[in-house]
PDB file of N, CA and C in Angstrom:
ATOM      1  N   UNK A   1      87.829  66.022 -27.515  1.00  0.00           N
ATOM      2  CA  UNK A   1      87.262  66.205 -26.202  1.00  0.00           C
ATOM      3  C   UNK A   1      87.630  67.603 -25.711  1.00  0.00           C
ATOM      4  N   UNK A   2      86.668  68.298 -25.178  1.00  0.00           N
ATOM      5  CA  UNK A   2      86.905  69.658 -24.714  1.00  0.00           C
ATOM      6  C   UNK A   2      87.371  69.636 -23.266  1.00  0.00           C
ATOM      7  N   UNK A   3      88.536  70.184 -23.048  1.00  0.00           N
ATOM      8  CA  UNK A   3      89.178  70.147 -21.742  1.00  0.00           C
ATOM      9  C   UNK A   3      88.333  70.835 -20.671  1.00  0.00           C
ATOM     10  N   UNK A   4      87.765  71.978 -20.987  1.00  0.00           N
ATOM     11  CA  UNK A   4      86.988  72.715 -19.982  1.00  0.00           C
ATOM     12  C   UNK A   4      85.764  71.930 -19.534  1.00  0.00           C
ATOM     13  N   UNK A   5      85.115  71.252 -20.462  1.00  0.00           N
ATOM     14  CA  UNK A   5      83.937  70.467 -20.104  1.00  0.00           C
ATOM     15  C   UNK A   5      84.339  69.290 -19.225  1.00  0.00           C
ATOM     16  N   UNK A   6      85.419  68.605 -19.609  1.00  0.00           N
ATOM     17  CA  UNK A   6      85.891  67.471 -18.826  1.00  0.00           C
ATOM     18  C   UNK A   6      86.285  67.922 -17.425  1.00  0.00           C
ATOM     19  N   UNK A   7      87.014  69.022 -17.313  1.00  0.00           N
ATOM     20  CA  UNK A   7      87.416  69.530 -16.005  1.00  0.00           C
ATOM     21  C   UNK A   7      86.211  69.952 -15.167  1.00  0.00           C
ATOM     22  N   UNK A   8      85.189  70.506 -15.815  1.00  0.00           N
ATOM     23  CA  UNK A   8      83.979  70.898 -15.086  1.00  0.00           C
ATOM     24  C   UNK A   8      83.263  69.678 -14.518  1.00  0.00           C
ATOM     25  N   UNK A   9      83.163  68.623 -15.309  1.00  0.00           N
ATOM     26  CA  UNK A   9      82.502  67.403 -14.839  1.00  0.00           C
ATOM     27  C   UNK A   9      83.302  66.757 -13.720  1.00  0.00           C
ATOM     28  N   UNK A  10      84.609  66.671 -13.890  1.00  0.00           N
ATOM     29  CA  UNK A  10      85.459  66.086 -12.850  1.00  0.00           C
ATOM     30  C   UNK A  10      85.373  66.912 -11.570  1.00  0.00           C
ATOM     31  N   UNK A  11      85.388  68.229 -11.704  1.00  0.00           N
ATOM     32  CA  UNK A  11      85.279  69.104 -10.533  1.00  0.00           C
ATOM     33  C   UNK A  11      83.954  68.930  -9.818  1.00  0.00           C
ATOM     34  N   UNK A  12      82.882  68.838 -10.579  1.00  0.00           N
ATOM     35  CA  UNK A  12      81.564  68.645  -9.969  1.00  0.00           C
ATOM     36  C   UNK A  12      81.485  67.308  -9.241  1.00  0.00           C
ATOM     37  N   UNK A  13      81.976  66.249  -9.882  1.00  0.00           N
ATOM     38  CA  UNK A  13      81.966  64.930  -9.245  1.00  0.00           C
ATOM     39  C   UNK A  13      82.833  64.918  -7.991  1.00  0.00           C
ATOM     40  N   UNK A  14      83.970  65.581  -8.028  1.00  0.00           N
ATOM     41  CA  UNK A  14      84.855  65.630  -6.868  1.00  0.00           C
ATOM     42  C   UNK A  14      84.182  66.371  -5.718  1.00  0.00           C
ATOM     43  N   UNK A  15      83.541  67.526  -6.013  1.00  0.00           N
ATOM     44  CA  UNK A  15      82.857  68.274  -4.956  1.00  0.00           C
ATOM     45  C   UNK A  15      81.732  67.447  -4.338  1.00  0.00           C
ATOM     46  N   UNK A  16      81.005  66.723  -5.168  1.00  0.00           N
ATOM     47  CA  UNK A  16      79.929  65.885  -4.659  1.00  0.00           C
ATOM     48  C   UNK A  16      80.476  64.753  -3.794  1.00  0.00           C
ATOM     49  N   UNK A  17      81.576  64.169  -4.208  1.00  0.00           N
ATOM     50  CA  UNK A  17      82.192  63.093  -3.439  1.00  0.00           C
ATOM     51  C   UNK A  17      82.697  63.597  -2.094  1.00  0.00           C
ATOM     52  N   UNK A  18      83.329  64.765  -2.082  1.00  0.00           N
ATOM     53  CA  UNK A  18      83.852  65.324  -0.833  1.00  0.00           C
ATOM     54  C   UNK A  18      82.702  65.732   0.096  1.00  0.00           C
ATOM     55  N   UNK A  19      81.615  66.243  -0.468  1.00  0.00           N
ATOM     56  CA  UNK A  19      80.463  66.646   0.336  1.00  0.00           C
ATOM     57  C   UNK A  19      79.762  65.451   0.983  1.00  0.00           C
ATOM     58  N   UNK A  20      79.715  64.333   0.284  1.00  0.00           N
ATOM     59  CA  UNK A  20      79.032  63.150   0.783  1.00  0.00           C
ATOM     60  C   UNK A  20      80.045  62.284   1.530  1.00  0.00           C
ATOM     61  N   UNK A  21      80.201  62.557   2.818  1.00  0.00           N
ATOM     62  CA  UNK A  21      81.215  61.863   3.630  1.00  0.00           C
ATOM     63  C   UNK A  21      80.946  60.362   3.704  1.00  0.00           C
ATOM     64  N   UNK A  22      79.682  59.952   3.707  1.00  0.00           N
ATOM     65  CA  UNK A  22      79.361  58.525   3.769  1.00  0.00           C
ATOM     66  C   UNK A  22      79.848  57.806   2.507  1.00  0.00           C
ATOM     67  N   UNK A  23      79.620  58.425   1.359  1.00  0.00           N
ATOM     68  CA  UNK A  23      80.083  57.828   0.109  1.00  0.00           C
ATOM     69  C   UNK A  23      81.605  57.766   0.076  1.00  0.00           C
ATOM     70  N   UNK A  24      82.258  58.832   0.477  1.00  0.00           N
ATOM     71  CA  UNK A  24      83.722  58.857   0.493  1.00  0.00           C
ATOM     72  C   UNK A  24      84.271  57.798   1.438  1.00  0.00           C
ATOM     73  N   UNK A  25      83.698  57.690   2.634  1.00  0.00           N
ATOM     74  CA  UNK A  25      84.156  56.685   3.597  1.00  0.00           C
ATOM     75  C   UNK A  25      83.933  55.273   3.073  1.00  0.00           C
ATOM     76  N   UNK A  26      82.800  55.028   2.424  1.00  0.00           N
ATOM     77  CA  UNK A  26      82.538  53.676   1.911  1.00  0.00           C
ATOM     78  C   UNK A  26      83.506  53.308   0.794  1.00  0.00           C
ATOM     79  N   UNK A  27      83.887  54.271  -0.016  1.00  0.00           N
ATOM     80  CA  UNK A  27      84.857  53.983  -1.075  1.00  0.00           C
ATOM     81  C   UNK A  27      86.223  53.689  -0.470  1.00  0.00           C
ATOM     82  N   UNK A  28      86.644  54.508   0.481  1.00  0.00           N
ATOM     83  CA  UNK A  28      87.976  54.343   1.067  1.00  0.00           C
ATOM     84  C   UNK A  28      88.061  53.066   1.900  1.00  0.00           C
ATOM     85  N   UNK A  29      87.034  52.780   2.710  1.00  0.00           N
ATOM     86  CA  UNK A  29      87.082  51.637   3.612  1.00  0.00           C
ATOM     87  C   UNK A  29      86.797  50.324   2.897  1.00  0.00           C
ATOM     88  N   UNK A  30      85.754  50.285   2.114  1.00  0.00           N
ATOM     89  CA  UNK A  30      85.343  49.023   1.499  1.00  0.00           C
ATOM     90  C   UNK A  30      86.081  48.711   0.206  1.00  0.00           C
ATOM     91  N   UNK A  31      86.511  49.732  -0.508  1.00  0.00           N
ATOM     92  CA  UNK A  31      87.115  49.524  -1.822  1.00  0.00           C
ATOM     93  C   UNK A  31      88.361  50.377  -1.994  1.00  0.00           C
ATOM     94  N   UNK A  32      89.429  50.073  -1.274  1.00  0.00           N
ATOM     95  CA  UNK A  32      90.643  50.892  -1.391  1.00  0.00           C
ATOM     96  C   UNK A  32      91.140  51.062  -2.829  1.00  0.00           C
ATOM     97  N   UNK A  33      91.049  50.029  -3.706  1.00  0.00           N
ATOM     98  CA  UNK A  33      91.499  50.274  -5.088  1.00  0.00           C
ATOM     99  C   UNK A  33      90.680  51.344  -5.794  1.00  0.00           C
ATOM    100  N   UNK A  34      89.431  51.534  -5.395  1.00  0.00           N
ATOM    101  CA  UNK A  34      88.606  52.571  -5.997  1.00  0.00           C
ATOM    102  C   UNK A  34      89.015  53.961  -5.551  1.00  0.00           C
ATOM    103  N   UNK A  35      89.555  54.073  -4.355  1.00  0.00           N
ATOM    104  CA  UNK A  35      89.976  55.374  -3.829  1.00  0.00           C
ATOM    105  C   UNK A  35      91.368  55.760  -4.293  1.00  0.00           C
ATOM    106  N   UNK A  36      92.194  54.800  -4.601  1.00  0.00           N
ATOM    107  CA  UNK A  36      93.575  55.079  -4.979  1.00  0.00           C
ATOM    108  C   UNK A  36      93.700  56.020  -6.172  1.00  0.00           C
ATOM    109  N   UNK A  37      92.983  55.806  -7.274  1.00  0.00           N
ATOM    110  CA  UNK A  37      93.105  56.759  -8.393  1.00  0.00           C
ATOM    111  C   UNK A  37      92.677  58.170  -8.015  1.00  0.00           C
ATOM    112  N   UNK A  38      91.630  58.291  -7.208  1.00  0.00           N
ATOM    113  CA  UNK A  38      91.158  59.619  -6.803  1.00  0.00           C
ATOM    114  C   UNK A  38      92.237  60.332  -6.005  1.00  0.00           C
ATOM    115  N   UNK A  39      92.845  59.610  -5.078  1.00  0.00           N
ATOM    116  CA  UNK A  39      93.880  60.200  -4.232  1.00  0.00           C
ATOM    117  C   UNK A  39      95.096  60.595  -5.074  1.00  0.00           C
ATOM    118  N   UNK A  40      95.524  59.714  -5.976  1.00  0.00           N
ATOM    119  CA  UNK A  40      96.714  59.998  -6.773  1.00  0.00           C
ATOM    120  C   UNK A  40      96.520  61.163  -7.732  1.00  0.00           C
ATOM    121  N   UNK A  41      95.335  61.283  -8.307  1.00  0.00           N
ATOM    122  CA  UNK A  41      95.074  62.403  -9.211  1.00  0.00           C
ATOM    123  C   UNK A  41      95.117  63.714  -8.436  1.00  0.00           C
ATOM    124  N   UNK A  42      94.548  63.739  -7.238  1.00  0.00           N
ATOM    125  CA  UNK A  42      94.594  64.953  -6.430  1.00  0.00           C
ATOM    126  C   UNK A  42      96.020  65.297  -6.012  1.00  0.00           C
ATOM    127  N   UNK A  43      96.795  64.286  -5.641  1.00  0.00           N
ATOM    128  CA  UNK A  43      98.189  64.530  -5.252  1.00  0.00           C
ATOM    129  C   UNK A  43      98.988  65.051  -6.443  1.00  0.00           C
ATOM    130  N   UNK A  44      98.758  64.470  -7.624  1.00  0.00           N
ATOM    131  CA  UNK A  44      99.476  64.918  -8.824  1.00  0.00           C
ATOM    132  C   UNK A  44      99.135  66.367  -9.157  1.00  0.00           C
ATOM    133  N   UNK A  45      97.898  66.771  -8.919  1.00  0.00           N
ATOM    134  CA  UNK A  45      97.495  68.149  -9.198  1.00  0.00           C
ATOM    135  C   UNK A  45      98.069  69.145  -8.213  1.00  0.00           C
ATOM    136  N   UNK A  46      98.423  68.678  -7.021  1.00  0.00           N
ATOM    137  CA  UNK A  46      98.969  69.565  -6.004  1.00  0.00           C
ATOM    138  C   UNK A  46     100.487  69.477  -5.914  1.00  0.00           C
ATOM    139  N   UNK A  47     101.108  68.747  -6.796  1.00  0.00           N
ATOM    140  CA  UNK A  47     102.569  68.632  -6.776  1.00  0.00           C
ATOM    141  C   UNK A  47     103.168  70.025  -6.902  1.00  0.00           C
ATOM    142  N   UNK A  48     104.175  70.344  -6.077  1.00  0.00           N
ATOM    143  CA  UNK A  48     104.727  71.699  -6.095  1.00  0.00           C
ATOM    144  C   UNK A  48     105.281  72.100  -7.459  1.00  0.00           C
ATOM    145  N   UNK A  49     105.981  71.214  -8.090  1.00  0.00           N
ATOM    146  CA  UNK A  49     106.465  71.509  -9.439  1.00  0.00           C
ATOM    147  C   UNK A  49     106.853  70.204 -10.123  1.00  0.00           C
ATOM    148  N   UNK A  50     106.455  70.104 -11.353  1.00  0.00           N
ATOM    149  CA  UNK A  50     106.825  68.960 -12.168  1.00  0.00           C
ATOM    150  C   UNK A  50     107.934  69.446 -13.079  1.00  0.00           C
ATOM    151  N   UNK A  51     109.059  68.730 -13.128  1.00  0.00           N
ATOM    152  CA  UNK A  51     110.166  69.194 -13.971  1.00  0.00           C
ATOM    153  C   UNK A  51     109.731  69.408 -15.420  1.00  0.00           C
ATOM    154  N   UNK A  52     110.222  70.455 -16.009  1.00  0.00           N
ATOM    155  CA  UNK A  52     109.863  70.791 -17.389  1.00  0.00           C
ATOM    156  C   UNK A  52     110.219  69.668 -18.347  1.00  0.00           C
ATOM    157  N   UNK A  53     111.317  68.965 -18.074  1.00  0.00           N
ATOM    158  CA  UNK A  53     111.704  67.855 -18.946  1.00  0.00           C
ATOM    159  C   UNK A  53     110.680  66.729 -18.879  1.00  0.00           C
ATOM    160  N   UNK A  54     110.130  66.477 -17.687  1.00  0.00           N
ATOM    161  CA  UNK A  54     109.110  65.432 -17.544  1.00  0.00           C
ATOM    162  C   UNK A  54     107.829  65.837 -18.266  1.00  0.00           C
ATOM    163  N   UNK A  55     107.447  67.110 -18.123  1.00  0.00           N
ATOM    164  CA  UNK A  55     106.247  67.600 -18.804  1.00  0.00           C
ATOM    165  C   UNK A  55     106.432  67.504 -20.319  1.00  0.00           C
ATOM    166  N   UNK A  56     107.598  67.893 -20.805  1.00  0.00           N
ATOM    167  CA  UNK A  56     107.867  67.830 -22.252  1.00  0.00           C
ATOM    168  C   UNK A  56     107.812  66.392 -22.761  1.00  0.00           C
ATOM    169  N   UNK A  57     108.333  65.468 -21.976  1.00  0.00           N
ATOM    170  CA  UNK A  57     108.327  64.060 -22.380  1.00  0.00           C
ATOM    171  C   UNK A  57     106.897  63.508 -22.403  1.00  0.00           C
ATOM    172  N   UNK A  58     106.099  63.865 -21.413  1.00  0.00           N
ATOM    173  CA  UNK A  58     104.708  63.395 -21.368  1.00  0.00           C
ATOM    174  C   UNK A  58     103.913  63.993 -22.521  1.00  0.00           C
ATOM    175  N   UNK A  59     104.083  65.299 -22.757  1.00  0.00           N
ATOM    176  CA  UNK A  59     103.350  65.974 -23.839  1.00  0.00           C
ATOM    177  C   UNK A  59     103.781  65.438 -25.202  1.00  0.00           C
ATOM    178  N   UNK A  60     105.044  65.026 -25.331  1.00  0.00           N
ATOM    179  CA  UNK A  60     105.491  64.439 -26.603  1.00  0.00           C
ATOM    180  C   UNK A  60     104.727  63.152 -26.900  1.00  0.00           C
ATOM    181  N   UNK A  61     104.370  62.418 -25.869  1.00  0.00           N
ATOM    182  CA  UNK A  61     103.598  61.189 -26.053  1.00  0.00           C
ATOM    183  C   UNK A  61     102.109  61.430 -26.194  1.00  0.00           C
ATOM    184  N   UNK A  62     101.641  62.583 -25.738  1.00  0.00           N
ATOM    185  CA  UNK A  62     100.220  62.940 -25.789  1.00  0.00           C
ATOM    186  C   UNK A  62     100.094  64.364 -26.303  1.00  0.00           C
ATOM    187  N   UNK A  63     100.192  64.592 -27.597  1.00  0.00           N
ATOM    188  CA  UNK A  63     100.184  65.961 -28.133  1.00  0.00           C
ATOM    189  C   UNK A  63      98.901  66.735 -27.830  1.00  0.00           C
ATOM    190  N   UNK A  64      97.803  66.047 -27.559  1.00  0.00           N
ATOM    191  CA  UNK A  64      96.553  66.748 -27.252  1.00  0.00           C
ATOM    192  C   UNK A  64      96.617  67.469 -25.907  1.00  0.00           C
ATOM    193  N   UNK A  65      97.632  67.195 -25.091  1.00  0.00           N
ATOM    194  CA  UNK A  65      97.809  67.839 -23.798  1.00  0.00           C
ATOM    195  C   UNK A  65      98.730  69.059 -23.888  1.00  0.00           C
ATOM    196  N   UNK A  66      99.087  69.484 -25.075  1.00  0.00           N
ATOM    197  CA  UNK A  66     100.068  70.558 -25.259  1.00  0.00           C
ATOM    198  C   UNK A  66      99.641  71.876 -24.614  1.00  0.00           C
ATOM    199  N   UNK A  67      98.367  72.169 -24.546  1.00  0.00           N
ATOM    200  CA  UNK A  67      97.910  73.440 -23.982  1.00  0.00           C
ATOM    201  C   UNK A  67      97.685  73.425 -22.479  1.00  0.00           C
ATOM    202  N   UNK A  68      97.950  72.303 -21.831  1.00  0.00           N
ATOM    203  CA  UNK A  68      97.698  72.197 -20.397  1.00  0.00           C
ATOM    204  C   UNK A  68      98.867  72.735 -19.576  1.00  0.00           C
ATOM    205  N   UNK A  69      98.558  73.160 -18.366  1.00  0.00           N
ATOM    206  CA  UNK A  69      99.605  73.604 -17.439  1.00  0.00           C
ATOM    207  C   UNK A  69     100.337  72.364 -16.912  1.00  0.00           C
ATOM    208  N   UNK A  70     101.521  72.522 -16.330  1.00  0.00           N
ATOM    209  CA  UNK A  70     102.229  71.361 -15.781  1.00  0.00           C
ATOM    210  C   UNK A  70     101.407  70.587 -14.746  1.00  0.00           C
ATOM    211  N   UNK A  71     100.645  71.282 -13.905  1.00  0.00           N
ATOM    212  CA  UNK A  71      99.799  70.592 -12.915  1.00  0.00           C
ATOM    213  C   UNK A  71      98.707  69.782 -13.616  1.00  0.00           C
ATOM    214  N   UNK A  72      98.103  70.356 -14.658  1.00  0.00           N
ATOM    215  CA  UNK A  72      97.069  69.633 -15.402  1.00  0.00           C
ATOM    216  C   UNK A  72      97.654  68.437 -16.139  1.00  0.00           C
ATOM    217  N   UNK A  73      98.867  68.575 -16.660  1.00  0.00           N
ATOM    218  CA  UNK A  73      99.530  67.438 -17.317  1.00  0.00           C
ATOM    219  C   UNK A  73      99.755  66.324 -16.300  1.00  0.00           C
ATOM    220  N   UNK A  74     100.173  66.695 -15.085  1.00  0.00           N
ATOM    221  CA  UNK A  74     100.370  65.700 -14.037  1.00  0.00           C
ATOM    222  C   UNK A  74      99.088  64.972 -13.691  1.00  0.00           C
ATOM    223  N   UNK A  75      97.977  65.727 -13.571  1.00  0.00           N
ATOM    224  CA  UNK A  75      96.694  65.099 -13.263  1.00  0.00           C
ATOM    225  C   UNK A  75      96.214  64.222 -14.409  1.00  0.00           C
ATOM    226  N   UNK A  76      96.354  64.698 -15.642  1.00  0.00           N
ATOM    227  CA  UNK A  76      95.921  63.912 -16.799  1.00  0.00           C
ATOM    228  C   UNK A  76      96.730  62.624 -16.902  1.00  0.00           C
ATOM    229  N   UNK A  77      98.026  62.716 -16.662  1.00  0.00           N
ATOM    230  CA  UNK A  77      98.871  61.529 -16.737  1.00  0.00           C
ATOM    231  C   UNK A  77      98.506  60.530 -15.636  1.00  0.00           C
ATOM    232  N   UNK A  78      98.292  61.024 -14.416  1.00  0.00           N
ATOM    233  CA  UNK A  78      97.909  60.133 -13.311  1.00  0.00           C
ATOM    234  C   UNK A  78      96.567  59.475 -13.597  1.00  0.00           C
ATOM    235  N   UNK A  79      95.621  60.240 -14.107  1.00  0.00           N
ATOM    236  CA  UNK A  79      94.307  59.684 -14.425  1.00  0.00           C
ATOM    237  C   UNK A  79      94.400  58.662 -15.547  1.00  0.00           C
ATOM    238  N   UNK A  80      95.216  58.947 -16.547  1.00  0.00           N
ATOM    239  CA  UNK A  80      95.360  58.037 -17.682  1.00  0.00           C
ATOM    240  C   UNK A  80      95.924  56.687 -17.259  1.00  0.00           C
ATOM    241  N   UNK A  81      96.752  56.681 -16.207  1.00  0.00           N
ATOM    242  CA  UNK A  81      97.338  55.430 -15.737  1.00  0.00           C
ATOM    243  C   UNK A  81      96.294  54.505 -15.120  1.00  0.00           C
ATOM    244  N   UNK A  82      95.156  55.064 -14.717  1.00  0.00           N
ATOM    245  CA  UNK A  82      94.129  54.272 -14.049  1.00  0.00           C
ATOM    246  C   UNK A  82      92.879  54.051 -14.888  1.00  0.00           C
ATOM    247  N   UNK A  83      92.917  54.336 -16.172  1.00  0.00           N
ATOM    248  CA  UNK A  83      91.725  54.175 -17.000  1.00  0.00           C
ATOM    249  C   UNK A  83      91.212  52.742 -16.994  1.00  0.00           C
ATOM    250  N   UNK A  84      92.094  51.781 -17.063  1.00  0.00           N
ATOM    251  CA  UNK A  84      91.672  50.375 -17.040  1.00  0.00           C
ATOM    252  C   UNK A  84      91.022  50.050 -15.698  1.00  0.00           C
ATOM    253  N   UNK A  85      91.572  50.602 -14.609  1.00  0.00           N
ATOM    254  CA  UNK A  85      90.990  50.379 -13.293  1.00  0.00           C
ATOM    255  C   UNK A  85      89.570  50.930 -13.237  1.00  0.00           C
ATOM    256  N   UNK A  86      89.354  52.111 -13.817  1.00  0.00           N
ATOM    257  CA  UNK A  86      88.016  52.683 -13.822  1.00  0.00           C
ATOM    258  C   UNK A  86      87.044  51.814 -14.620  1.00  0.00           C
ATOM    259  N   UNK A  87      87.517  51.190 -15.674  1.00  0.00           N
ATOM    260  CA  UNK A  87      86.651  50.303 -16.449  1.00  0.00           C
ATOM    261  C   UNK A  87      86.306  49.040 -15.672  1.00  0.00           C
ATOM    262  N   UNK A  88      87.205  48.586 -14.818  1.00  0.00           N
ATOM    263  CA  UNK A  88      86.970  47.362 -14.053  1.00  0.00           C
ATOM    264  C   UNK A  88      86.201  47.607 -12.755  1.00  0.00           C
ATOM    265  N   UNK A  89      86.180  48.838 -12.251  1.00  0.00           N
ATOM    266  CA  UNK A  89      85.528  49.128 -10.978  1.00  0.00           C
ATOM    267  C   UNK A  89      84.083  48.631 -10.893  1.00  0.00           C
ATOM    268  N   UNK A  90      83.240  48.845 -11.896  1.00  0.00           N
ATOM    269  CA  UNK A  90      81.862  48.356 -11.764  1.00  0.00           C
ATOM    270  C   UNK A  90      81.778  46.838 -11.601  1.00  0.00           C
ATOM    271  N   UNK A  91      82.768  46.135 -12.063  1.00  0.00           N
ATOM    272  CA  UNK A  91      82.753  44.682 -11.941  1.00  0.00           C
ATOM    273  C   UNK A  91      82.955  44.173 -10.529  1.00  0.00           C
ATOM    274  N   UNK A  92      83.673  44.917  -9.708  1.00  0.00           N
ATOM    275  CA  UNK A  92      83.901  44.405  -8.357  1.00  0.00           C
ATOM    276  C   UNK A  92      83.326  45.301  -7.260  1.00  0.00           C
ATOM    277  N   UNK A  93      82.742  46.425  -7.614  1.00  0.00           N
ATOM    278  CA  UNK A  93      82.008  47.230  -6.632  1.00  0.00           C
ATOM    279  C   UNK A  93      80.529  46.934  -6.854  1.00  0.00           C
ATOM    280  N   UNK A  94      79.889  46.464  -5.827  1.00  0.00           N
ATOM    281  CA  UNK A  94      78.457  46.162  -5.945  1.00  0.00           C
ATOM    282  C   UNK A  94      77.708  46.867  -4.840  1.00  0.00           C
ATOM    283  N   UNK A  95      76.465  47.100  -5.069  1.00  0.00           N
ATOM    284  CA  UNK A  95      75.636  47.768  -4.065  1.00  0.00           C
ATOM    285  C   UNK A  95      75.342  46.816  -2.927  1.00  0.00           C
ATOM    286  N   UNK A  96      75.252  47.337  -1.702  1.00  0.00           N
ATOM    287  CA  UNK A  96      74.942  46.455  -0.551  1.00  0.00           C
ATOM    288  C   UNK A  96      73.499  46.018  -0.573  1.00  0.00           C
TER     289      UNK A  96
END
């Protein structure tokens, strides 16, 4: 998987979500579990500093993340923790 392509898609989706206030509000109000991963990934990316020992330990478990910055490792790790949640989201989010 190419990191730049994935980051571009995630960035585009995030900008679209932030621009569409109605969609963002409906996710946060009606489906808090759907908003939690988005919030945590953003918080992980803005963390002031992730200890080098923590980054080394995470990268040891995921060698494909070796070229990422500490902030990107934090975001990737936070996102990876919610992959199962993302797979289940379509099952309990339905259109009105």
